[in-house]
Amino acid sequence: MTAQSLVELSKRTYEIVPLKPPVEPARLEYKNFKEAPDWRRIPAYADVTEEQFLDHRWQSKKSITRPDKLLEALRDLVSEEFIKDATEGFARAPMSVRVSPYLLSLIDWNDPYRDPLRTQFIPLKSRFLPDHPKLGLDSLHERADAPVPGLTHRYIDKALFLPLDTCPVYCRFCTRSYAVGIDTEEVEKTHFKVDEDRWRAAYTYISSRPELEDIVVSGGDAYNLRPEQIRSIGETLLGMTNIRRIRLATKGPAVMPQKILTDNEWIDAVTYISDLGRKLHKEVAVHTHFNNPNEITGITRDAMQKLFERGLRVRNQSVLIRGVNDDPETMKLLVKRLGHLNVQPYYVYVHDLVKGAEDLRTTVATGELIETHVRGSTAGFNTPTVVVDAPGGGGKRDVHSYEFYDRTTGISIFESPSVKPGQKYLYFDPVDRLPDEGRARWADPREHQVMIDEAMRAIS
């Protein structure tokens, strides 16, 4: 082709065929979020400056850890009916209370009964439902799969390390309510305090198992580890020849993103471990936990951009929660908003069987619906996998992968051949979401084992 013909070709015009209609602005809502919440509308924070509000030390110091103090801070914002409802709710809750001013400022106090953030952190007696008859406090059998206290080895090449038992916030739906936080009226905890002797026992086990390559550092929450502890844990694990990946698990960015922006020693420690891992050709990632699009603000964006600039990979794990994200449009908005911030949506968990949180649980069918609608709304690598963490220690199973599912009794059966071959794992939908026949059968204790036996026979 001559130079002249190339010039002629470059002058050609091409007709653009509008195969798709113009995108409505609502389809781009994931890009629009509050720059910062209006914390001054809460009387207790009316005189707080922006400098104070953006300081992680102020957020931590002013985090509320007593129900009476929390409700006192809200007294001019909500009705006496709500105060009474929450007071009685806290008395029945298995989890401790800890909420940051930032978190409180994100809640719509004009409609607290329906607000998705209030739902996650402030229990109301009026919303409580009886626990499912098959619920256990440690439903995932983490302690049963622990060779040493605070280390769960379930999957062949991965272990869960719990170096501490505190968090920057306490979630109602916490699957580790058997250990996290202080004792409550409902639960006497199994505590995993910071203990270097316990840590050394965990390290000894990890280094003795050549098949272990992936360690999740959780708790509690990695946000609450001091910088020197992050360096110590990271250097120790990365120094083991068998370890290829470390994940630092934290709810912190969703409830106190200020720490990433203003706690320079902490973020420098995380960056140091990430850089060290890269030099050793090993991966260090941060796994965080956003459940609703309203949890993301401009402060979140700035924090996530800081992590991205430092080369940190960030993934998100959500829990499917009734009234929080259990409809397709809300979940799609969350997934798109996370992707917009370079946070990779990784898992969506069908809610575990957790004591005192039955009103938050959803069904396996809801998980299937969510997965069907979210898939295709964005790139595959930003599409989360919806999973059931099989009760009894079967591990995470794709929500569609059950061997049996009866929507009347709410019983689903999963197998986990690579984790514990030959075993069957049963998940149970919340009773109040079943049809009348199913609710009637669960109301009769004599029917409980009958229903389970029927389900097991169906796959035999």
Protein backbone atom coordinates (compact mmCIF):
# COMPACT_ATOMS: atom_id res chain seq x y z
CA MET A 1 0.00 0.00 0.00
CA THR A 2 1.42 3.33 -1.09
CA ALA A 3 1.74 6.41 1.10
CA GLN A 4 -0.94 8.09 -1.01
CA SER A 5 -3.41 5.25 -0.47
CA LEU A 6 -2.76 5.37 3.25
CA VAL A 7 -3.63 9.06 3.26
CA GLU A 8 -6.84 8.36 1.33
CA LEU A 9 -7.76 5.60 3.79
CA SER A 10 -7.27 7.92 6.76
CA LYS A 11 -9.79 10.34 5.25
CA ARG A 12 -12.57 7.81 5.11
CA THR A 13 -15.46 8.31 7.50
CA TYR A 14 -17.30 5.52 9.23
CA GLU A 15 -20.93 5.54 10.22
CA ILE A 16 -21.51 4.93 13.93
CA VAL A 17 -24.48 2.64 14.40
CA PRO A 18 -26.20 3.29 17.79
CA LEU A 19 -26.79 -0.34 18.78
CA LYS A 20 -27.42 0.65 22.39
CA PRO A 21 -29.60 3.52 23.62
CA PRO A 22 -27.93 6.37 25.52
CA VAL A 23 -27.10 5.42 29.08
CA GLU A 24 -29.49 6.92 31.61
CA PRO A 25 -27.78 8.89 34.41
CA ALA A 26 -29.16 6.45 36.97
CA ARG A 27 -26.98 3.73 35.42
CA LEU A 28 -23.92 5.74 36.46
CA GLU A 29 -25.07 6.29 40.03
CA TYR A 30 -22.12 4.24 41.27
CA LYS A 31 -19.90 7.25 40.55
CA ASN A 32 -21.95 9.54 42.78
CA PHE A 33 -21.50 9.38 46.53
CA LYS A 34 -21.24 11.76 49.45
CA GLU A 35 -17.91 13.50 49.77
CA ALA A 36 -18.33 13.42 53.54
CA PRO A 37 -21.23 12.78 55.91
CA ASP A 38 -22.78 15.66 57.81
CA TRP A 39 -21.54 14.71 61.26
CA ARG A 40 -22.60 18.03 62.79
CA ARG A 41 -26.28 17.08 62.62
CA ILE A 42 -25.56 14.70 65.51
CA PRO A 43 -25.71 16.91 68.62
CA ALA A 44 -22.74 15.18 70.25
CA TYR A 45 -20.56 16.16 67.26
CA ALA A 46 -22.04 19.58 66.50
CA ASP A 47 -18.83 21.43 67.40
CA VAL A 48 -16.39 18.93 65.89
CA THR A 49 -14.06 20.42 63.29
CA GLU A 50 -13.24 18.81 59.97
CA GLU A 51 -9.66 18.33 61.14
CA GLN A 52 -10.87 16.39 64.17
CA PHE A 53 -13.36 14.32 62.18
CA LEU A 54 -10.71 13.27 59.67
CA ASP A 55 -8.26 12.23 62.40
CA HIS A 56 -8.23 8.49 63.15
CA ARG A 57 -7.15 9.17 66.73
CA TRP A 58 -10.25 11.27 67.38
CA GLN A 59 -12.45 8.66 65.67
CA SER A 60 -10.98 5.87 67.79
CA LYS A 61 -11.10 7.85 71.04
CA LYS A 62 -14.73 8.85 70.49
CA SER A 63 -15.92 5.41 69.35
CA ILE A 64 -18.76 4.36 71.62
CA THR A 65 -18.47 1.05 73.48
CA ARG A 66 -21.47 1.21 75.84
CA PRO A 67 -25.11 0.96 74.74
CA ASP A 68 -26.22 3.67 77.18
CA LYS A 69 -23.60 6.10 75.85
CA LEU A 70 -24.58 5.33 72.27
CA LEU A 71 -28.25 5.93 72.87
CA GLU A 72 -27.53 9.08 74.85
CA ALA A 73 -25.70 10.46 71.80
CA LEU A 74 -28.80 9.79 69.70
CA ARG A 75 -31.48 10.99 72.12
CA ASP A 76 -32.23 14.23 70.27
CA LEU A 77 -32.30 12.46 66.90
CA VAL A 78 -34.68 9.55 67.43
CA SER A 79 -37.91 8.80 69.22
CA GLU A 80 -38.17 7.44 72.75
CA GLU A 81 -39.72 4.37 71.16
CA PHE A 82 -36.51 3.77 69.22
CA ILE A 83 -34.36 4.34 72.33
CA LYS A 84 -36.38 1.76 74.27
CA ASP A 85 -36.31 -0.67 71.34
CA ALA A 86 -32.53 -0.41 71.00
CA THR A 87 -31.92 -0.60 74.77
CA GLU A 88 -33.79 -3.89 74.93
CA GLY A 89 -32.10 -5.03 71.71
CA PHE A 90 -28.62 -4.55 73.15
CA ALA A 91 -29.64 -6.55 76.23
CA ARG A 92 -30.33 -9.54 73.98
CA ALA A 93 -27.43 -9.16 71.57
CA PRO A 94 -24.53 -11.65 71.58
CA MET A 95 -22.09 -9.01 70.28
CA SER A 96 -20.44 -6.14 72.10
CA VAL A 97 -21.06 -2.60 70.85
CA ARG A 98 -18.42 -0.42 69.24
CA VAL A 99 -19.31 2.24 66.67
CA SER A 100 -17.27 5.17 65.40
CA PRO A 101 -18.58 8.72 64.99
CA TYR A 102 -18.01 8.32 61.26
CA LEU A 103 -20.28 5.28 61.17
CA LEU A 104 -22.99 7.02 63.21
CA SER A 105 -22.85 9.99 60.85
CA LEU A 106 -23.59 7.75 57.85
CA ILE A 107 -26.90 6.52 59.28
CA ASP A 108 -30.13 8.22 58.22
CA TRP A 109 -31.57 9.08 61.63
CA ASN A 110 -34.77 10.32 59.98
CA ASP A 111 -35.54 6.70 59.16
CA PRO A 112 -33.43 4.55 61.51
CA TYR A 113 -35.68 1.51 61.37
CA ARG A 114 -34.98 1.01 57.67
CA ASP A 115 -31.43 2.36 57.42
CA PRO A 116 -29.05 -0.37 56.17
CA LEU A 117 -26.16 0.73 58.40
CA ARG A 118 -28.24 0.91 61.56
CA THR A 119 -29.47 -2.57 60.71
CA GLN A 120 -25.92 -3.95 60.80
CA PHE A 121 -24.74 -2.43 64.07
CA ILE A 122 -27.62 -1.45 66.35
CA PRO A 123 -29.99 -4.29 67.33
CA LEU A 124 -33.66 -3.64 67.96
CA LYS A 125 -35.79 -5.90 70.13
CA SER A 126 -38.76 -5.42 67.80
CA ARG A 127 -36.80 -7.00 64.93
CA PHE A 128 -35.45 -10.03 66.80
CA LEU A 129 -36.51 -13.46 65.59
CA PRO A 130 -35.93 -16.80 67.35
CA ASP A 131 -32.62 -18.42 66.40
CA HIS A 132 -32.95 -21.29 63.95
CA PRO A 133 -33.28 -24.62 65.81
CA LYS A 134 -30.11 -25.93 64.16
CA LEU A 135 -27.94 -22.91 64.98
CA GLY A 136 -24.68 -23.31 66.89
CA LEU A 137 -22.50 -20.53 68.32
CA ASP A 138 -19.45 -21.57 66.26
CA SER A 139 -21.43 -22.71 63.25
CA LEU A 140 -18.37 -22.96 60.99
CA HIS A 141 -16.48 -25.17 63.48
CA GLU A 142 -13.43 -22.90 63.43
CA ARG A 143 -12.34 -24.11 66.86
CA ALA A 144 -12.77 -27.75 65.84
CA ASP A 145 -10.38 -27.18 62.93
CA ALA A 146 -7.78 -25.40 65.09
CA PRO A 147 -4.49 -27.26 65.71
CA VAL A 148 -3.49 -24.44 68.08
CA PRO A 149 -5.72 -21.74 69.63
CA GLY A 150 -6.46 -19.00 67.15
CA LEU A 151 -5.31 -20.85 64.03
CA THR A 152 -7.86 -22.62 61.83
CA HIS A 153 -6.50 -25.01 59.20
CA ARG A 154 -9.40 -26.23 57.06
CA TYR A 155 -8.40 -25.84 53.44
CA ILE A 156 -5.33 -27.77 52.30
CA ASP A 157 -3.15 -24.76 51.48
CA LYS A 158 -4.74 -21.98 53.56
CA ALA A 159 -5.02 -21.17 57.26
CA LEU A 160 -6.83 -18.49 59.24
CA PHE A 161 -4.67 -16.78 61.88
CA LEU A 162 -6.41 -14.82 64.66
CA PRO A 163 -3.70 -12.79 66.42
CA LEU A 164 -6.22 -10.73 68.40
CA ASP A 165 -9.93 -10.57 69.21
CA THR A 166 -10.85 -6.88 68.92
CA CYS A 167 -12.20 -4.79 66.04
CA PRO A 168 -12.76 -1.10 65.23
CA VAL A 169 -16.48 -1.93 65.06
CA TYR A 170 -18.61 -4.85 66.19
CA CYS A 171 -21.08 -6.19 63.63
CA ARG A 172 -24.32 -7.86 64.66
CA PHE A 173 -23.80 -10.56 62.06
CA CYS A 174 -20.24 -11.52 63.06
CA THR A 175 -19.71 -15.23 62.49
CA ARG A 176 -16.94 -15.10 65.09
CA SER A 177 -19.19 -13.81 67.86
CA TYR A 178 -17.96 -16.74 69.96
CA ALA A 179 -14.63 -14.91 70.33
CA VAL A 180 -14.76 -11.29 69.19
CA GLY A 181 -15.30 -8.50 71.68
CA ILE A 182 -16.03 -8.64 75.39
CA ASP A 183 -18.43 -11.04 77.09
CA THR A 184 -22.10 -10.12 76.85
CA GLU A 185 -25.19 -11.16 78.77
CA GLU A 186 -25.82 -13.75 76.06
CA VAL A 187 -22.33 -15.10 75.33
CA GLU A 188 -19.19 -15.87 77.33
CA LYS A 189 -16.43 -15.54 74.74
CA THR A 190 -13.45 -17.67 73.82
CA HIS A 191 -10.78 -14.97 73.89
CA PHE A 192 -7.76 -14.67 71.60
CA LYS A 193 -5.81 -11.90 73.26
CA VAL A 194 -2.49 -10.71 71.86
CA ASP A 195 -0.12 -13.38 73.17
CA GLU A 196 3.33 -13.88 71.68
CA ASP A 197 3.55 -17.44 73.03
CA ARG A 198 0.29 -18.30 71.25
CA TRP A 199 1.57 -16.60 68.11
CA ARG A 200 4.81 -18.63 68.24
CA ALA A 201 2.80 -21.84 68.51
CA ALA A 202 0.86 -20.82 65.40
CA TYR A 203 4.08 -19.98 63.53
CA THR A 204 5.60 -23.33 64.49
CA TYR A 205 2.58 -25.17 63.11
CA ILE A 206 2.46 -23.08 59.90
CA SER A 207 6.15 -23.59 59.15
CA SER A 208 5.83 -27.33 59.79
CA ARG A 209 3.15 -27.77 57.11
CA PRO A 210 4.71 -27.46 53.62
CA GLU A 211 1.26 -27.54 52.01
CA LEU A 212 0.29 -24.24 53.69
CA GLU A 213 0.87 -21.33 51.29
CA ASP A 214 -1.85 -18.79 52.13
CA ILE A 215 -2.44 -17.15 55.52
CA VAL A 216 -5.41 -14.91 56.34
CA VAL A 217 -4.54 -12.57 59.21
CA SER A 218 -7.84 -11.63 60.79
CA GLY A 219 -9.23 -11.78 64.31
CA GLY A 220 -10.62 -9.52 65.45
CA ASP A 221 -9.34 -7.15 62.86
CA ALA A 222 -5.93 -6.31 61.39
CA TYR A 223 -6.86 -2.61 61.78
CA ASN A 224 -6.31 -3.06 65.51
CA LEU A 225 -2.80 -4.46 65.17
CA ARG A 226 -0.08 -1.98 66.04
CA PRO A 227 2.44 -1.12 63.29
CA GLU A 228 5.21 -3.12 64.95
CA GLN A 229 2.88 -6.12 65.23
CA ILE A 230 2.04 -5.93 61.51
CA ARG A 231 5.74 -5.82 60.68
CA SER A 232 6.50 -8.72 63.02
CA ILE A 233 3.68 -10.93 61.74
CA GLY A 234 4.39 -10.06 58.11
CA GLU A 235 8.14 -10.59 58.32
CA THR A 236 7.69 -13.89 60.16
CA LEU A 237 5.19 -15.31 57.68
CA LEU A 238 6.94 -14.03 54.57
CA GLY A 239 10.18 -15.49 55.90
CA MET A 240 8.73 -19.00 55.73
CA THR A 241 9.65 -20.75 52.49
CA ASN A 242 6.21 -22.35 52.17
CA ILE A 243 4.16 -19.13 52.44
CA ARG A 244 3.23 -17.47 49.15
CA ARG A 245 0.34 -15.19 50.11
CA ILE A 246 -0.80 -13.13 53.11
CA ARG A 247 -4.18 -11.45 53.40
CA LEU A 248 -4.79 -8.75 56.00
CA ALA A 249 -8.52 -8.87 56.79
CA THR A 250 -10.20 -5.71 58.06
CA LYS A 251 -13.58 -4.06 58.32
CA GLY A 252 -11.77 -0.81 59.05
CA PRO A 253 -11.94 0.94 55.66
CA ALA A 254 -15.74 0.73 55.76
CA VAL A 255 -16.13 2.19 59.25
CA MET A 256 -13.02 4.34 59.80
CA PRO A 257 -11.22 5.13 56.51
CA GLN A 258 -9.54 8.04 58.31
CA LYS A 259 -6.96 5.60 59.70
CA ILE A 260 -5.54 4.93 56.24
CA LEU A 261 -5.26 8.67 55.61
CA THR A 262 -3.85 9.84 58.95
CA ASP A 263 -2.21 6.88 60.73
CA ASN A 264 1.06 7.10 58.85
CA GLU A 265 2.90 4.52 60.96
CA TRP A 266 0.18 1.92 60.42
CA ILE A 267 -0.13 2.39 56.67
CA ASP A 268 3.66 2.52 56.33
CA ALA A 269 3.86 -0.85 58.10
CA VAL A 270 1.29 -2.38 55.74
CA THR A 271 3.11 -0.89 52.75
CA TYR A 272 6.43 -2.22 54.03
CA ILE A 273 5.05 -5.76 54.26
CA SER A 274 3.49 -5.46 50.79
CA ASP A 275 6.78 -4.23 49.30
CA LEU A 276 8.72 -6.94 51.12
CA GLY A 277 6.38 -9.58 49.76
CA ARG A 278 6.79 -8.25 46.23
CA LYS A 279 10.58 -8.41 46.53
CA LEU A 280 10.21 -12.04 47.62
CA HIS A 281 7.73 -12.70 44.78
CA LYS A 282 4.93 -13.20 47.30
CA GLU A 283 1.56 -11.47 47.45
CA VAL A 284 0.27 -9.33 50.31
CA ALA A 285 -3.34 -8.15 49.95
CA VAL A 286 -5.88 -6.28 52.04
CA HIS A 287 -9.32 -7.89 52.31
CA THR A 288 -12.01 -5.54 53.46
CA HIS A 289 -15.74 -5.64 54.06
CA PHE A 290 -18.29 -3.23 52.54
CA ASN A 291 -21.92 -4.36 52.56
CA ASN A 292 -23.90 -1.37 51.29
CA PRO A 293 -23.21 1.46 48.81
CA ASN A 294 -23.96 4.05 51.52
CA GLU A 295 -20.80 2.98 53.34
CA ILE A 296 -18.69 4.56 50.60
CA THR A 297 -17.86 8.29 50.73
CA GLY A 298 -15.24 10.62 49.37
CA ILE A 299 -13.18 9.78 52.44
CA THR A 300 -13.36 6.12 51.43
CA ARG A 301 -12.28 7.02 47.90
CA ASP A 302 -9.26 8.96 49.17
CA ALA A 303 -8.27 6.05 51.42
CA MET A 304 -8.61 3.48 48.65
CA GLN A 305 -6.65 5.68 46.25
CA LYS A 306 -3.86 5.88 48.82
CA LEU A 307 -3.73 2.09 49.03
CA PHE A 308 -3.78 1.84 45.23
CA GLU A 309 -0.95 4.37 44.87
CA ARG A 310 1.13 2.25 47.24
CA GLY A 311 0.60 -0.84 45.13
CA LEU A 312 -1.71 -2.65 47.54
CA ARG A 313 -4.24 -5.08 46.15
CA VAL A 314 -7.63 -4.65 47.87
CA ARG A 315 -10.46 -7.17 47.68
CA ASN A 316 -13.91 -7.00 49.27
CA GLN A 317 -16.03 -9.63 50.97
CA SER A 318 -19.68 -8.82 51.63
CA VAL A 319 -22.31 -10.62 53.65
CA LEU A 320 -25.77 -10.93 52.14
CA ILE A 321 -27.97 -9.20 54.73
CA ARG A 322 -31.72 -8.75 54.76
CA GLY A 323 -32.65 -5.11 54.28
CA VAL A 324 -29.04 -4.15 53.57
CA ASN A 325 -28.08 -5.59 50.19
CA ASP A 326 -30.45 -8.49 49.45
CA ASP A 327 -31.93 -6.99 46.29
CA PRO A 328 -30.15 -7.06 42.93
CA GLU A 329 -30.06 -3.31 42.33
CA THR A 330 -28.41 -2.53 45.67
CA MET A 331 -25.82 -5.25 45.20
CA LYS A 332 -25.08 -4.16 41.64
CA LEU A 333 -24.59 -0.58 42.84
CA LEU A 334 -22.23 -1.77 45.58
CA VAL A 335 -20.22 -3.92 43.18
CA LYS A 336 -19.89 -1.15 40.60
CA ARG A 337 -18.97 1.43 43.24
CA LEU A 338 -16.26 -0.82 44.66
CA GLY A 339 -14.83 -1.46 41.21
CA HIS A 340 -14.80 2.29 40.59
CA LEU A 341 -12.51 2.62 43.63
CA ASN A 342 -10.18 -0.22 42.51
CA VAL A 343 -11.56 -2.54 45.19
CA GLN A 344 -12.18 -5.98 43.70
CA PRO A 345 -15.48 -7.57 44.77
CA TYR A 346 -14.42 -11.07 45.79
CA TYR A 347 -17.08 -12.91 47.78
CA VAL A 348 -20.68 -12.40 48.82
CA TYR A 349 -21.52 -14.75 51.67
CA VAL A 350 -25.01 -16.07 52.22
CA HIS A 351 -25.45 -15.08 55.88
CA ASP A 352 -24.05 -17.64 58.33
CA LEU A 353 -26.18 -19.10 61.09
CA VAL A 354 -25.28 -16.53 63.76
CA LYS A 355 -26.80 -16.26 67.20
CA GLY A 356 -29.08 -13.25 67.66
CA ALA A 357 -29.06 -12.31 63.97
CA GLU A 358 -31.89 -14.34 62.48
CA ASP A 359 -33.65 -11.18 61.29
CA LEU A 360 -30.60 -10.45 59.10
CA ARG A 361 -30.35 -13.81 57.36
CA THR A 362 -31.50 -14.51 53.82
CA THR A 363 -32.13 -17.66 51.82
CA VAL A 364 -30.01 -19.66 49.41
CA ALA A 365 -32.58 -18.73 46.76
CA THR A 366 -31.87 -15.04 47.42
CA GLY A 367 -28.18 -15.71 46.92
CA GLU A 368 -28.91 -17.37 43.60
CA LEU A 369 -31.05 -14.42 42.52
CA ILE A 370 -28.35 -11.92 43.44
CA GLU A 371 -25.64 -13.85 41.58
CA THR A 372 -27.79 -14.17 38.45
CA HIS A 373 -28.44 -10.42 38.28
CA VAL A 374 -24.98 -9.17 39.24
CA ARG A 375 -23.16 -11.37 36.73
CA GLY A 376 -22.88 -9.48 33.46
CA SER A 377 -23.28 -6.04 35.03
CA THR A 378 -19.52 -5.50 35.08
CA ALA A 379 -16.25 -7.22 34.22
CA GLY A 380 -15.86 -10.80 35.38
CA PHE A 381 -12.86 -10.03 37.60
CA ASN A 382 -15.04 -7.46 39.43
CA THR A 383 -17.95 -9.88 39.80
CA PRO A 384 -18.12 -11.48 43.26
CA THR A 385 -18.77 -15.17 43.77
CA VAL A 386 -21.82 -15.79 45.94
CA VAL A 387 -21.04 -18.55 48.40
CA VAL A 388 -22.42 -20.52 51.32
CA ASP A 389 -19.80 -21.11 54.01
CA ALA A 390 -20.97 -24.62 54.79
CA PRO A 391 -21.91 -25.05 58.46
CA GLY A 392 -19.79 -27.66 60.18
CA GLY A 393 -16.52 -26.74 58.47
CA GLY A 394 -17.13 -27.56 54.82
CA GLY A 395 -15.76 -24.25 53.66
CA LYS A 396 -17.04 -21.92 50.97
CA ARG A 397 -19.28 -23.48 48.35
CA ASP A 398 -20.72 -21.71 45.30
CA VAL A 399 -24.37 -20.91 46.06
CA HIS A 400 -25.50 -22.88 43.00
CA SER A 401 -23.46 -25.97 43.84
CA TYR A 402 -25.79 -27.64 46.34
CA GLU A 403 -26.55 -31.32 45.95
CA PHE A 404 -30.09 -30.75 47.19
CA TYR A 405 -32.26 -27.74 48.04
CA ASP A 406 -35.84 -27.83 49.32
CA ARG A 407 -37.34 -24.34 49.33
CA THR A 408 -40.21 -25.50 51.51
CA THR A 409 -38.09 -26.75 54.41
CA GLY A 410 -35.18 -24.41 53.60
CA ILE A 411 -32.68 -27.28 53.81
CA SER A 412 -29.78 -27.33 51.37
CA ILE A 413 -27.00 -29.92 51.28
CA PHE A 414 -23.47 -29.27 50.07
CA GLU A 415 -20.42 -31.45 49.56
CA SER A 416 -16.80 -30.31 49.83
CA PRO A 417 -14.67 -33.09 48.34
CA SER A 418 -11.41 -31.11 48.37
CA VAL A 419 -11.82 -30.12 52.02
CA LYS A 420 -13.49 -33.06 53.76
CA PRO A 421 -14.38 -35.73 51.20
CA GLY A 422 -17.44 -37.85 51.84
CA GLN A 423 -19.07 -35.48 54.32
CA LYS A 424 -22.39 -33.71 53.83
CA TYR A 425 -23.01 -30.16 55.05
CA LEU A 426 -26.45 -28.73 55.70
CA TYR A 427 -27.46 -25.08 55.51
CA PHE A 428 -30.84 -23.90 56.77
CA ASP A 429 -32.80 -20.93 55.41
CA PRO A 430 -34.42 -18.66 58.03
CA VAL A 431 -37.73 -20.15 59.11
CA ASP A 432 -39.71 -16.93 58.72
CA ARG A 433 -38.84 -16.84 55.00
CA LEU A 434 -40.30 -20.30 54.33
CA PRO A 435 -43.79 -21.02 53.02
CA ASP A 436 -46.50 -21.91 55.54
CA GLU A 437 -45.85 -25.64 55.28
CA GLY A 438 -42.17 -25.24 56.07
CA ARG A 439 -42.79 -22.90 59.01
CA ALA A 440 -45.33 -25.34 60.44
CA ARG A 441 -42.89 -28.24 60.27
CA TRP A 442 -40.10 -26.31 61.99
CA ALA A 443 -42.55 -25.28 64.71
CA ASP A 444 -42.82 -28.98 65.64
CA PRO A 445 -39.53 -30.29 67.15
CA ARG A 446 -40.52 -33.82 66.20
CA GLU A 447 -40.27 -32.82 62.54
CA HIS A 448 -36.73 -31.45 62.65
CA GLN A 449 -34.83 -34.69 62.19
CA VAL A 450 -37.55 -36.03 59.88
CA MET A 451 -36.93 -33.15 57.46
CA ILE A 452 -33.16 -33.67 57.61
CA ASP A 453 -33.56 -37.41 56.98
CA GLU A 454 -35.81 -36.69 54.00
CA ALA A 455 -33.19 -34.37 52.54
CA MET A 456 -30.40 -36.90 53.04
CA ARG A 457 -32.42 -39.67 51.41
CA ALA A 458 -33.02 -37.44 48.41
CA ILE A 459 -29.31 -37.54 47.52
CA SER A 460 -28.55 -41.11 48.60
